[in-house]
Structure formats: structure tokens, C-alpha cells
Amino acid sequence: MANLPRMSLPRAERRRIHLGLLLATLICMPAFVVELWRALGGNTLSWAYVFEWPALQGYAFYMWRKLLRGDHELTPSTNVLDEKTQGELNEWNAYLAKVHGRESLDATHPPVEGRE
């Protein structure tokens, strides 16, 4: 934790991130104890959960660190459609506009865009 850079997140957002980790811990730790108790009592299915709950807690810790570091910044997506696919997409959007009785899709109903 000493190598975390100085946080530039607002205090309220940092609190929400910390609260998320706290809630994950309050859910995962007791669930682990309950499932371990059940597994030792003879419920063989509970052995899967004995390993699942600590894994979920580890993921929560990973996300906590990632969010505090600011690694969650989104980068703008680029359109990776070729010309043929873009043309088909434009035709589809025109069809949808016709079905819904509009001249074209407007800002309140943006067209479907390609996915990466």
C-alpha cells in the first residue's frame, strides 16, 4: 500500500471505494466461515464455495487498488468497422428509422455503433 500514488479522487469517491471493499469483506469472510463449517460437516458441495469466497475477496481487493490508483480511466473507443460493415450498419439504422416512422435517427435515439 506504500507504493500507491497520491490519490486525485474526490474524498466522497474514495469513501465509496473504501465502503465497497468493506462490504465485500463483510460478505465474503462470514460466507467463507459458514461454507467451511458446512464442508467440514460433510456437505461436499460446500468445498467449492470454501475456495470461491476467498477468490471473490481477492478480486474485491484487486479492484479496490485499481480504483484507488485511477487505473479505471476509460479511453475513447475507435471505430474498427470496415467500409462494407459500416455500410450495412448505416442501412440497418435507416431501416430502424423507417420502422419507427422517422426520417432518420436523431440525437435522442442515436444510431447503433460498431463494437471493438
Protein backbone atom coordinates (compact mmCIF):
# COMPACT_ATOMS: atom_id res chain seq x y z
CA MET A 1 0.00 0.00 0.00
CA ALA A 2 3.01 2.27 0.39
CA ASN A 3 3.53 2.38 -3.38
CA LEU A 4 0.09 3.83 -4.11
CA PRO A 5 0.46 7.20 -5.81
CA ARG A 6 -1.19 10.26 -4.34
CA MET A 7 -4.92 9.98 -4.94
CA SER A 8 -6.54 12.69 -7.00
CA LEU A 9 -10.04 11.32 -6.46
CA PRO A 10 -12.57 13.38 -4.52
CA ARG A 11 -12.94 12.41 -0.89
CA ALA A 12 -16.53 11.17 -1.39
CA GLU A 13 -15.46 8.86 -4.20
CA ARG A 14 -12.58 7.47 -2.12
CA ARG A 15 -15.06 6.79 0.70
CA ARG A 16 -17.34 4.91 -1.67
CA ILE A 17 -14.42 2.79 -2.88
CA HIS A 18 -13.41 2.00 0.71
CA LEU A 19 -17.03 1.22 1.58
CA GLY A 20 -17.19 -1.19 -1.34
CA LEU A 21 -14.18 -3.10 -0.04
CA LEU A 22 -15.64 -3.13 3.46
CA LEU A 23 -18.95 -4.52 2.20
CA ALA A 24 -17.19 -7.17 0.14
CA THR A 25 -15.19 -8.19 3.20
CA LEU A 26 -18.30 -8.27 5.40
CA ILE A 27 -19.95 -10.60 2.89
CA CYS A 28 -17.03 -12.83 1.86
CA MET A 29 -15.47 -13.58 5.24
CA PRO A 30 -18.60 -14.84 7.03
CA ALA A 31 -19.66 -16.74 3.90
CA PHE A 32 -16.25 -18.44 3.86
CA VAL A 33 -16.58 -19.43 7.53
CA VAL A 34 -20.12 -20.77 7.01
CA GLU A 35 -19.15 -22.78 3.94
CA LEU A 36 -16.04 -24.16 5.65
CA TRP A 37 -18.18 -25.23 8.61
CA ARG A 38 -20.68 -26.90 6.25
CA ALA A 39 -17.91 -28.58 4.25
CA LEU A 40 -16.29 -29.99 7.39
CA GLY A 41 -19.75 -31.19 8.41
CA GLY A 42 -19.98 -33.41 5.33
CA ASN A 43 -21.50 -31.21 2.62
CA THR A 44 -19.11 -31.88 -0.27
CA LEU A 45 -20.57 -29.15 -2.50
CA SER A 46 -19.53 -26.56 0.06
CA TRP A 47 -15.86 -27.26 -0.66
CA ALA A 48 -16.24 -25.35 -3.94
CA TYR A 49 -17.54 -22.34 -2.03
CA VAL A 50 -14.73 -22.60 0.51
CA PHE A 51 -12.35 -21.65 -2.32
CA GLU A 52 -14.74 -19.32 -4.15
CA TRP A 53 -15.33 -16.81 -1.34
CA PRO A 54 -11.63 -16.02 -0.75
CA ALA A 55 -11.19 -15.68 -4.52
CA LEU A 56 -14.03 -13.16 -4.63
CA GLN A 57 -12.47 -11.28 -1.72
CA GLY A 58 -9.16 -11.23 -3.58
CA TYR A 59 -10.90 -9.80 -6.64
CA ALA A 60 -12.55 -7.13 -4.49
CA PHE A 61 -9.13 -6.18 -3.12
CA TYR A 62 -7.69 -6.08 -6.65
CA MET A 63 -10.48 -3.77 -7.82
CA TRP A 64 -10.11 -1.60 -4.71
CA ARG A 65 -6.44 -0.99 -5.51
CA LYS A 66 -7.15 -0.47 -9.20
CA LEU A 67 -9.87 2.10 -8.48
CA LEU A 68 -7.75 3.98 -5.94
CA ARG A 69 -4.83 4.19 -8.35
CA GLY A 70 -7.06 5.60 -11.05
CA ASP A 71 -6.42 2.71 -13.46
CA HIS A 72 -10.10 2.74 -14.39
CA GLU A 73 -9.80 5.65 -16.79
CA LEU A 74 -11.70 4.95 -19.97
CA THR A 75 -10.13 5.64 -23.31
CA PRO A 76 -12.25 6.68 -26.28
CA SER A 77 -13.11 3.74 -28.48
CA THR A 78 -12.21 3.74 -32.12
CA ASN A 79 -14.46 2.52 -34.88
CA VAL A 80 -12.95 -0.69 -36.22
CA LEU A 81 -15.58 -1.41 -38.87
CA ASP A 82 -14.53 -1.77 -42.47
CA GLU A 83 -16.41 0.10 -45.21
CA LYS A 84 -18.71 -2.83 -46.08
CA THR A 85 -19.73 -3.39 -42.46
CA GLN A 86 -20.20 0.34 -41.89
CA GLY A 87 -22.44 0.50 -44.98
CA GLU A 88 -24.53 -2.42 -43.68
CA LEU A 89 -24.78 -0.70 -40.31
CA ASN A 90 -25.96 2.51 -41.95
CA GLU A 91 -28.59 0.55 -43.92
CA TRP A 92 -29.77 -1.10 -40.70
CA ASN A 93 -30.07 2.26 -38.95
CA ALA A 94 -32.05 3.63 -41.91
CA TYR A 95 -34.35 0.59 -41.72
CA LEU A 96 -34.89 1.11 -38.00
CA ALA A 97 -35.69 4.78 -38.60
CA LYS A 98 -38.24 3.77 -41.25
CA VAL A 99 -39.83 1.17 -38.96
CA HIS A 100 -40.18 3.74 -36.20
CA GLY A 101 -41.61 6.33 -38.59
CA ARG A 102 -38.76 8.81 -38.52
CA GLU A 103 -36.76 10.38 -41.32
CA SER A 104 -33.54 9.38 -39.60
CA LEU A 105 -32.28 8.53 -36.19
CA ASP A 106 -31.74 11.73 -34.21
CA ALA A 107 -29.77 12.66 -31.10
CA THR A 108 -32.48 11.33 -28.78
CA HIS A 109 -32.16 7.94 -30.50
CA PRO A 110 -28.51 7.65 -31.53
CA PRO A 111 -27.59 5.11 -34.20
CA VAL A 112 -26.08 1.79 -33.27
CA GLU A 113 -22.31 1.98 -33.43
CA GLY A 114 -19.79 -0.74 -34.15
CA ARG A 115 -18.15 -2.59 -31.33
CA GLU A 116 -14.48 -3.22 -30.87
